[in-house]
């Protein structure tokens, strides 16, 4: 399949403006302005934290696990925030709660904001790695910066506890648990799908990054479930023209 045909499968890339649009949904004016300012200027204020110059919208959300590809962080951030809001909506409808959605949006948008400051592009410019001299774990950095920027304690606590039972503190509010489970849902599903992408990339002999350029891992997972492994392999062979490339190599020998 020619490169021009691949564009019909091009994965949607979310932008910085998509993050700002979500932040604009925060009703409290002061909090809304703080979140937008943080998104626009995320560099930690401590003098020893160096800028890795990886924009939020280009950064992966991890190096080896979920959302490990370019644009993965903004994708994960948007999904986590939207999942949290949907959970809140369901709980309010069923249980008559009054959940602070401003805190959920702020926490969702900022929970992983410090990840790019521990990443660096690899020497080939095709992926990412951790910086040689690790600053601080991203959650520690985020909490420190939220305190520095005088965020409401409710926002600081939901960010600090978003790792749930496995973090330094457990959530102590419904909003905190919602953000934790929203984050876990999106990260866990993507991590499962990543492993499927890795297996299919090995099957057809392409770099897994080529798959992420065209598909989200979850889309590949969906195709695997609906069409089966063999049909998925055939489709990926067609998309990446693997068989044609092999034939050309053999004919030139």
C-alpha atoms as a PDB file:
ATOM      1  CA  UNK A   1       0.000   0.000   0.000  1.00  0.00           C
ATOM      2  CA  UNK A   2       1.428   3.341  -1.029  1.00  0.00           C
ATOM      3  CA  UNK A   3       2.277   5.940   1.595  1.00  0.00           C
ATOM      4  CA  UNK A   4      -0.505   8.159   0.304  1.00  0.00           C
ATOM      5  CA  UNK A   5      -3.042   5.468   1.136  1.00  0.00           C
ATOM      6  CA  UNK A   6      -1.745   5.280   4.710  1.00  0.00           C
ATOM      7  CA  UNK A   7      -3.133   8.737   5.415  1.00  0.00           C
ATOM      8  CA  UNK A   8      -6.637   7.298   5.662  1.00  0.00           C
ATOM      9  CA  UNK A   9      -5.476   5.472   8.794  1.00  0.00           C
ATOM     10  CA  UNK A  10      -3.555   8.411  10.270  1.00  0.00           C
ATOM     11  CA  UNK A  11      -3.966   8.447  14.034  1.00  0.00           C
ATOM     12  CA  UNK A  12      -5.627  11.570  15.396  1.00  0.00           C
ATOM     13  CA  UNK A  13      -3.063  13.723  17.169  1.00  0.00           C
ATOM     14  CA  UNK A  14      -4.368  15.865  20.006  1.00  0.00           C
ATOM     15  CA  UNK A  15      -2.929  19.318  20.494  1.00  0.00           C
ATOM     16  CA  UNK A  16      -2.113  21.733  23.283  1.00  0.00           C
ATOM     17  CA  UNK A  17      -5.301  23.587  22.346  1.00  0.00           C
ATOM     18  CA  UNK A  18      -7.305  20.480  23.243  1.00  0.00           C
ATOM     19  CA  UNK A  19      -5.886  20.651  26.774  1.00  0.00           C
ATOM     20  CA  UNK A  20      -6.753  24.338  27.040  1.00  0.00           C
ATOM     21  CA  UNK A  21     -10.300  23.641  25.817  1.00  0.00           C
ATOM     22  CA  UNK A  22     -10.765  21.153  28.660  1.00  0.00           C
ATOM     23  CA  UNK A  23      -9.315  23.612  31.172  1.00  0.00           C
ATOM     24  CA  UNK A  24     -11.822  26.210  29.998  1.00  0.00           C
ATOM     25  CA  UNK A  25     -14.581  23.971  31.397  1.00  0.00           C
ATOM     26  CA  UNK A  26     -13.409  24.751  34.944  1.00  0.00           C
ATOM     27  CA  UNK A  27     -16.059  27.041  36.409  1.00  0.00           C
ATOM     28  CA  UNK A  28     -13.967  28.599  39.179  1.00  0.00           C
ATOM     29  CA  UNK A  29     -12.168  31.526  37.551  1.00  0.00           C
ATOM     30  CA  UNK A  30      -9.086  31.512  39.789  1.00  0.00           C
ATOM     31  CA  UNK A  31      -8.549  27.774  39.429  1.00  0.00           C
ATOM     32  CA  UNK A  32      -9.161  27.906  35.689  1.00  0.00           C
ATOM     33  CA  UNK A  33      -6.512  30.598  35.272  1.00  0.00           C
ATOM     34  CA  UNK A  34      -4.020  28.700  37.438  1.00  0.00           C
ATOM     35  CA  UNK A  35      -4.458  25.503  35.427  1.00  0.00           C
ATOM     36  CA  UNK A  36      -4.117  27.277  32.080  1.00  0.00           C
ATOM     37  CA  UNK A  37      -1.011  29.128  33.274  1.00  0.00           C
ATOM     38  CA  UNK A  38       0.524  25.845  34.465  1.00  0.00           C
ATOM     39  CA  UNK A  39      -0.211  24.163  31.133  1.00  0.00           C
ATOM     40  CA  UNK A  40       1.337  27.060  29.237  1.00  0.00           C
ATOM     41  CA  UNK A  41       4.375  27.295  31.517  1.00  0.00           C
ATOM     42  CA  UNK A  42       5.012  23.845  33.028  1.00  0.00           C
ATOM     43  CA  UNK A  43       8.770  24.230  33.625  1.00  0.00           C
ATOM     44  CA  UNK A  44       9.410  23.663  37.356  1.00  0.00           C
ATOM     45  CA  UNK A  45      10.519  26.787  39.175  1.00  0.00           C
ATOM     46  CA  UNK A  46      13.383  25.099  41.049  1.00  0.00           C
ATOM     47  CA  UNK A  47      16.712  26.305  39.651  1.00  0.00           C
ATOM     48  CA  UNK A  48      18.207  22.801  39.362  1.00  0.00           C
ATOM     49  CA  UNK A  49      15.456  21.399  37.136  1.00  0.00           C
ATOM     50  CA  UNK A  50      16.562  21.654  33.519  1.00  0.00           C
ATOM     51  CA  UNK A  51      14.212  22.021  30.581  1.00  0.00           C
ATOM     52  CA  UNK A  52      14.292  18.921  28.376  1.00  0.00           C
ATOM     53  CA  UNK A  53      12.472  20.888  25.647  1.00  0.00           C
ATOM     54  CA  UNK A  54       9.905  18.177  25.019  1.00  0.00           C
ATOM     55  CA  UNK A  55       6.481  19.820  24.562  1.00  0.00           C
ATOM     56  CA  UNK A  56       3.560  18.272  26.420  1.00  0.00           C
ATOM     57  CA  UNK A  57       1.799  17.493  23.146  1.00  0.00           C
ATOM     58  CA  UNK A  58       4.820  15.538  21.798  1.00  0.00           C
ATOM     59  CA  UNK A  59       5.783  13.696  24.982  1.00  0.00           C
ATOM     60  CA  UNK A  60       5.012  10.042  25.611  1.00  0.00           C
ATOM     61  CA  UNK A  61       3.300   9.135  28.872  1.00  0.00           C
ATOM     62  CA  UNK A  62       5.910   6.492  29.653  1.00  0.00           C
ATOM     63  CA  UNK A  63       9.048   5.019  28.127  1.00  0.00           C
ATOM     64  CA  UNK A  64       8.239   1.307  28.177  1.00  0.00           C
ATOM     65  CA  UNK A  65       4.587   0.975  29.182  1.00  0.00           C
ATOM     66  CA  UNK A  66       1.329   2.739  28.412  1.00  0.00           C
ATOM     67  CA  UNK A  67       1.159   5.549  25.823  1.00  0.00           C
ATOM     68  CA  UNK A  68       4.876   5.115  25.077  1.00  0.00           C
ATOM     69  CA  UNK A  69       4.706   6.910  21.724  1.00  0.00           C
ATOM     70  CA  UNK A  70       4.912  10.521  20.563  1.00  0.00           C
ATOM     71  CA  UNK A  71       1.748  12.345  21.599  1.00  0.00           C
ATOM     72  CA  UNK A  72       0.915   9.669  24.154  1.00  0.00           C
ATOM     73  CA  UNK A  73       0.921  12.010  27.141  1.00  0.00           C
ATOM     74  CA  UNK A  74      -1.649  14.463  25.808  1.00  0.00           C
ATOM     75  CA  UNK A  75      -3.775  11.543  24.606  1.00  0.00           C
ATOM     76  CA  UNK A  76      -3.648   9.931  28.066  1.00  0.00           C
ATOM     77  CA  UNK A  77      -4.290  13.253  29.810  1.00  0.00           C
ATOM     78  CA  UNK A  78      -7.404  13.984  27.766  1.00  0.00           C
ATOM     79  CA  UNK A  79      -8.752  10.436  28.091  1.00  0.00           C
ATOM     80  CA  UNK A  80      -8.174  10.342  31.868  1.00  0.00           C
ATOM     81  CA  UNK A  81      -9.913  13.681  32.384  1.00  0.00           C
ATOM     82  CA  UNK A  82     -12.893  12.748  30.220  1.00  0.00           C
ATOM     83  CA  UNK A  83     -13.227   9.309  31.843  1.00  0.00           C
ATOM     84  CA  UNK A  84     -13.179  10.948  35.288  1.00  0.00           C
ATOM     85  CA  UNK A  85     -15.972  13.323  34.255  1.00  0.00           C
ATOM     86  CA  UNK A  86     -18.093  10.461  32.917  1.00  0.00           C
ATOM     87  CA  UNK A  87     -17.617   8.486  36.142  1.00  0.00           C
ATOM     88  CA  UNK A  88     -18.631  11.571  38.131  1.00  0.00           C
ATOM     89  CA  UNK A  89     -21.717  12.022  35.963  1.00  0.00           C
ATOM     90  CA  UNK A  90     -22.808   8.424  36.555  1.00  0.00           C
ATOM     91  CA  UNK A  91     -22.247   8.614  40.325  1.00  0.00           C
ATOM     92  CA  UNK A  92     -24.130  11.885  40.583  1.00  0.00           C
ATOM     93  CA  UNK A  93     -27.060  10.445  38.628  1.00  0.00           C
ATOM     94  CA  UNK A  94     -27.262   7.193  40.578  1.00  0.00           C
ATOM     95  CA  UNK A  95     -26.351   8.338  44.088  1.00  0.00           C
ATOM     96  CA  UNK A  96     -27.410  11.981  44.134  1.00  0.00           C
ATOM     97  CA  UNK A  97     -23.867  13.221  44.817  1.00  0.00           C
ATOM     98  CA  UNK A  98     -22.436  16.664  44.165  1.00  0.00           C
ATOM     99  CA  UNK A  99     -18.936  15.942  42.862  1.00  0.00           C
ATOM    100  CA  UNK A 100     -16.436  18.763  42.401  1.00  0.00           C
ATOM    101  CA  UNK A 101     -15.794  18.495  38.693  1.00  0.00           C
ATOM    102  CA  UNK A 102     -13.484  21.530  38.730  1.00  0.00           C
ATOM    103  CA  UNK A 103     -11.102  19.537  40.931  1.00  0.00           C
ATOM    104  CA  UNK A 104     -11.413  16.518  38.627  1.00  0.00           C
ATOM    105  CA  UNK A 105     -10.573  18.543  35.518  1.00  0.00           C
ATOM    106  CA  UNK A 106      -7.655  20.289  37.190  1.00  0.00           C
ATOM    107  CA  UNK A 107      -6.326  17.031  38.622  1.00  0.00           C
ATOM    108  CA  UNK A 108      -6.782  15.158  35.360  1.00  0.00           C
ATOM    109  CA  UNK A 109      -4.988  17.794  33.312  1.00  0.00           C
ATOM    110  CA  UNK A 110      -2.084  18.161  35.742  1.00  0.00           C
ATOM    111  CA  UNK A 111      -1.574  14.665  37.169  1.00  0.00           C
ATOM    112  CA  UNK A 112       1.238  13.737  34.744  1.00  0.00           C
ATOM    113  CA  UNK A 113       2.369  17.200  33.678  1.00  0.00           C
ATOM    114  CA  UNK A 114       5.942  16.723  34.945  1.00  0.00           C
ATOM    115  CA  UNK A 115       6.703  13.579  32.955  1.00  0.00           C
ATOM    116  CA  UNK A 116       8.411  15.388  30.030  1.00  0.00           C
ATOM    117  CA  UNK A 117      11.046  16.806  32.394  1.00  0.00           C
ATOM    118  CA  UNK A 118      12.500  13.344  32.913  1.00  0.00           C
ATOM    119  CA  UNK A 119      12.479  12.338  29.235  1.00  0.00           C
ATOM    120  CA  UNK A 120      14.876  12.911  26.377  1.00  0.00           C
ATOM    121  CA  UNK A 121      14.720  11.979  22.709  1.00  0.00           C
ATOM    122  CA  UNK A 122      16.989   9.080  21.806  1.00  0.00           C
ATOM    123  CA  UNK A 123      20.038   9.581  19.600  1.00  0.00           C
ATOM    124  CA  UNK A 124      18.174   8.478  16.456  1.00  0.00           C
ATOM    125  CA  UNK A 125      15.290  10.851  17.170  1.00  0.00           C
ATOM    126  CA  UNK A 126      12.851   7.960  16.823  1.00  0.00           C
ATOM    127  CA  UNK A 127      11.899   7.426  20.462  1.00  0.00           C
ATOM    128  CA  UNK A 128      12.434   8.529  24.029  1.00  0.00           C
ATOM    129  CA  UNK A 129      14.480   7.557  27.045  1.00  0.00           C
ATOM    130  CA  UNK A 130      14.953   8.796  30.607  1.00  0.00           C
ATOM    131  CA  UNK A 131      17.416  11.632  31.102  1.00  0.00           C
ATOM    132  CA  UNK A 132      20.823  10.428  32.402  1.00  0.00           C
ATOM    133  CA  UNK A 133      20.494  12.359  35.671  1.00  0.00           C
ATOM    134  CA  UNK A 134      16.932  11.810  36.862  1.00  0.00           C
ATOM    135  CA  UNK A 135      15.406  14.914  38.430  1.00  0.00           C
ATOM    136  CA  UNK A 136      12.658  13.664  40.735  1.00  0.00           C
ATOM    137  CA  UNK A 137       9.849  11.209  40.153  1.00  0.00           C
ATOM    138  CA  UNK A 138       7.156  13.031  38.159  1.00  0.00           C
ATOM    139  CA  UNK A 139       4.532  12.905  40.897  1.00  0.00           C
ATOM    140  CA  UNK A 140       6.911  14.385  43.481  1.00  0.00           C
ATOM    141  CA  UNK A 141       7.761  17.161  41.047  1.00  0.00           C
ATOM    142  CA  UNK A 142       4.105  17.864  40.315  1.00  0.00           C
ATOM    143  CA  UNK A 143       3.060  18.040  43.967  1.00  0.00           C
ATOM    144  CA  UNK A 144       6.004  20.309  44.832  1.00  0.00           C
ATOM    145  CA  UNK A 145       5.125  22.630  41.966  1.00  0.00           C
ATOM    146  CA  UNK A 146       1.425  22.693  42.847  1.00  0.00           C
ATOM    147  CA  UNK A 147       2.362  23.825  46.359  1.00  0.00           C
ATOM    148  CA  UNK A 148       4.765  26.391  44.950  1.00  0.00           C
ATOM    149  CA  UNK A 149       2.060  27.806  42.684  1.00  0.00           C
ATOM    150  CA  UNK A 150      -0.463  27.971  45.534  1.00  0.00           C
ATOM    151  CA  UNK A 151      -3.052  25.556  44.128  1.00  0.00           C
ATOM    152  CA  UNK A 152      -6.048  24.626  46.301  1.00  0.00           C
ATOM    153  CA  UNK A 153      -5.241  21.757  48.653  1.00  0.00           C
ATOM    154  CA  UNK A 154      -8.071  19.663  47.135  1.00  0.00           C
ATOM    155  CA  UNK A 155      -6.324  19.721  43.750  1.00  0.00           C
ATOM    156  CA  UNK A 156      -2.928  18.967  45.269  1.00  0.00           C
ATOM    157  CA  UNK A 157      -4.343  15.981  47.138  1.00  0.00           C
ATOM    158  CA  UNK A 158      -6.082  14.380  44.136  1.00  0.00           C
ATOM    159  CA  UNK A 159      -2.874  14.684  42.104  1.00  0.00           C
ATOM    160  CA  UNK A 160      -0.731  13.391  44.995  1.00  0.00           C
ATOM    161  CA  UNK A 161      -2.992  10.364  45.469  1.00  0.00           C
ATOM    162  CA  UNK A 162      -3.729   9.437  41.866  1.00  0.00           C
ATOM    163  CA  UNK A 163      -1.616   6.261  42.121  1.00  0.00           C
ATOM    164  CA  UNK A 164      -4.157   5.004  44.640  1.00  0.00           C
ATOM    165  CA  UNK A 165      -3.111   2.132  46.888  1.00  0.00           C
ATOM    166  CA  UNK A 166       0.327   2.050  45.274  1.00  0.00           C
ATOM    167  CA  UNK A 167       1.232   5.696  45.833  1.00  0.00           C
ATOM    168  CA  UNK A 168       2.711   7.600  48.744  1.00  0.00           C
ATOM    169  CA  UNK A 169      -0.815   8.458  49.895  1.00  0.00           C
ATOM    170  CA  UNK A 170      -4.248   7.007  49.251  1.00  0.00           C
ATOM    171  CA  UNK A 171      -7.121   9.180  48.042  1.00  0.00           C
ATOM    172  CA  UNK A 172      -9.205  10.653  50.852  1.00  0.00           C
ATOM    173  CA  UNK A 173     -12.118  11.924  48.761  1.00  0.00           C
ATOM    174  CA  UNK A 174     -14.519  10.654  46.129  1.00  0.00           C
ATOM    175  CA  UNK A 175     -12.822  12.962  43.610  1.00  0.00           C
ATOM    176  CA  UNK A 176      -9.457  11.412  44.480  1.00  0.00           C
ATOM    177  CA  UNK A 177     -10.689   7.866  43.927  1.00  0.00           C
ATOM    178  CA  UNK A 178     -12.399   8.838  40.682  1.00  0.00           C
ATOM    179  CA  UNK A 179      -9.198  10.330  39.278  1.00  0.00           C
ATOM    180  CA  UNK A 180      -7.194   7.291  40.400  1.00  0.00           C
ATOM    181  CA  UNK A 181      -9.536   4.832  38.699  1.00  0.00           C
ATOM    182  CA  UNK A 182      -9.894   6.971  35.563  1.00  0.00           C
ATOM    183  CA  UNK A 183      -6.095   7.073  35.260  1.00  0.00           C
ATOM    184  CA  UNK A 184      -5.866   3.321  35.894  1.00  0.00           C
ATOM    185  CA  UNK A 185      -8.548   2.469  33.337  1.00  0.00           C
ATOM    186  CA  UNK A 186      -6.888   4.398  30.539  1.00  0.00           C
ATOM    187  CA  UNK A 187      -3.314   3.387  31.372  1.00  0.00           C
ATOM    188  CA  UNK A 188      -4.172  -0.296  31.858  1.00  0.00           C
ATOM    189  CA  UNK A 189      -6.190  -0.611  28.656  1.00  0.00           C
ATOM    190  CA  UNK A 190      -3.474   1.111  26.655  1.00  0.00           C
ATOM    191  CA  UNK A 191      -0.803  -1.098  28.223  1.00  0.00           C
ATOM    192  CA  UNK A 192      -2.692  -4.250  27.196  1.00  0.00           C
ATOM    193  CA  UNK A 193      -3.091  -2.874  23.679  1.00  0.00           C
ATOM    194  CA  UNK A 194       0.609  -1.934  23.497  1.00  0.00           C
ATOM    195  CA  UNK A 195       1.556  -5.588  23.979  1.00  0.00           C
ATOM    196  CA  UNK A 196      -0.719  -6.570  21.097  1.00  0.00           C
ATOM    197  CA  UNK A 197       0.921  -3.919  18.885  1.00  0.00           C
ATOM    198  CA  UNK A 198       4.375  -5.185  19.841  1.00  0.00           C
ATOM    199  CA  UNK A 199       3.429  -8.763  18.923  1.00  0.00           C
ATOM    200  CA  UNK A 200       1.953  -7.792  15.565  1.00  0.00           C
ATOM    201  CA  UNK A 201       4.970  -5.567  14.786  1.00  0.00           C
ATOM    202  CA  UNK A 202       7.227  -8.588  15.339  1.00  0.00           C
ATOM    203  CA  UNK A 203       4.947 -10.748  13.180  1.00  0.00           C
ATOM    204  CA  UNK A 204       5.210  -8.479  10.144  1.00  0.00           C
ATOM    205  CA  UNK A 205       8.758  -7.211  10.734  1.00  0.00           C
ATOM    206  CA  UNK A 206       8.168  -3.492  11.269  1.00  0.00           C
ATOM    207  CA  UNK A 207       9.098  -1.155  14.104  1.00  0.00           C
ATOM    208  CA  UNK A 208       6.172  -0.811  16.498  1.00  0.00           C
ATOM    209  CA  UNK A 209       6.500   2.979  16.228  1.00  0.00           C
ATOM    210  CA  UNK A 210       5.266   2.715  12.629  1.00  0.00           C
ATOM    211  CA  UNK A 211       2.021   1.248  13.927  1.00  0.00           C
ATOM    212  CA  UNK A 212       1.563   4.057  16.457  1.00  0.00           C
ATOM    213  CA  UNK A 213       1.963   6.621  13.687  1.00  0.00           C
ATOM    214  CA  UNK A 214      -1.205   5.284  12.103  1.00  0.00           C
ATOM    215  CA  UNK A 215      -3.222   3.768  14.935  1.00  0.00           C
ATOM    216  CA  UNK A 216      -3.776   4.136  18.633  1.00  0.00           C
ATOM    217  CA  UNK A 217      -2.954   0.846  20.380  1.00  0.00           C
ATOM    218  CA  UNK A 218      -6.598   0.548  21.428  1.00  0.00           C
ATOM    219  CA  UNK A 219      -7.710   0.711  17.798  1.00  0.00           C
ATOM    220  CA  UNK A 220      -5.408  -2.216  17.036  1.00  0.00           C
ATOM    221  CA  UNK A 221      -6.885  -4.044  20.022  1.00  0.00           C
ATOM    222  CA  UNK A 222     -10.390  -3.394  18.715  1.00  0.00           C
ATOM    223  CA  UNK A 223      -9.429  -4.720  15.273  1.00  0.00           C
ATOM    224  CA  UNK A 224      -7.878  -7.798  16.900  1.00  0.00           C
ATOM    225  CA  UNK A 225     -11.106  -8.538  18.790  1.00  0.00           C
ATOM    226  CA  UNK A 226     -13.463  -7.912  15.865  1.00  0.00           C
ATOM    227  CA  UNK A 227     -11.454  -9.424  13.014  1.00  0.00           C
ATOM    228  CA  UNK A 228      -9.113 -11.910  14.697  1.00  0.00           C
ATOM    229  CA  UNK A 229      -5.346 -12.118  14.846  1.00  0.00           C
ATOM    230  CA  UNK A 230      -4.794 -13.538  11.363  1.00  0.00           C
ATOM    231  CA  UNK A 231      -6.937 -10.938   9.619  1.00  0.00           C
ATOM    232  CA  UNK A 232      -5.236  -8.179  11.611  1.00  0.00           C
ATOM    233  CA  UNK A 233      -1.826  -9.450  10.464  1.00  0.00           C
ATOM    234  CA  UNK A 234      -3.035  -9.520   6.864  1.00  0.00           C
ATOM    235  CA  UNK A 235      -4.389  -5.995   7.108  1.00  0.00           C
ATOM    236  CA  UNK A 236      -1.175  -4.667   8.648  1.00  0.00           C
ATOM    237  CA  UNK A 237       0.845  -6.437   5.934  1.00  0.00           C
ATOM    238  CA  UNK A 238      -1.269  -4.659   3.328  1.00  0.00           C
ATOM    239  CA  UNK A 239      -1.002  -1.273   5.037  1.00  0.00           C
ATOM    240  CA  UNK A 240       2.767  -1.412   5.449  1.00  0.00           C
ATOM    241  CA  UNK A 241       3.292  -3.212   2.128  1.00  0.00           C
ATOM    242  CA  UNK A 242       5.517  -5.741   3.863  1.00  0.00           C
ATOM    243  CA  UNK A 243       5.031  -8.538   1.342  1.00  0.00           C
ATOM    244  CA  UNK A 244       5.722  -6.194  -1.562  1.00  0.00           C
ATOM    245  CA  UNK A 245       8.911  -4.946   0.056  1.00  0.00           C
ATOM    246  CA  UNK A 246      10.094  -8.527   0.648  1.00  0.00           C
ATOM    247  CA  UNK A 247       9.439  -9.428  -2.998  1.00  0.00           C
ATOM    248  CA  UNK A 248      11.452  -6.409  -4.175  1.00  0.00           C
ATOM    249  CA  UNK A 249      14.351  -7.385  -1.910  1.00  0.00           C
ATOM    250  CA  UNK A 250      14.311 -10.974  -3.194  1.00  0.00           C
ATOM    251  CA  UNK A 251      14.182  -9.901  -6.845  1.00  0.00           C
ATOM    252  CA  UNK A 252      17.212  -7.656  -6.411  1.00  0.00           C
ATOM    253  CA  UNK A 253      19.368 -10.431  -4.973  1.00  0.00           C
END
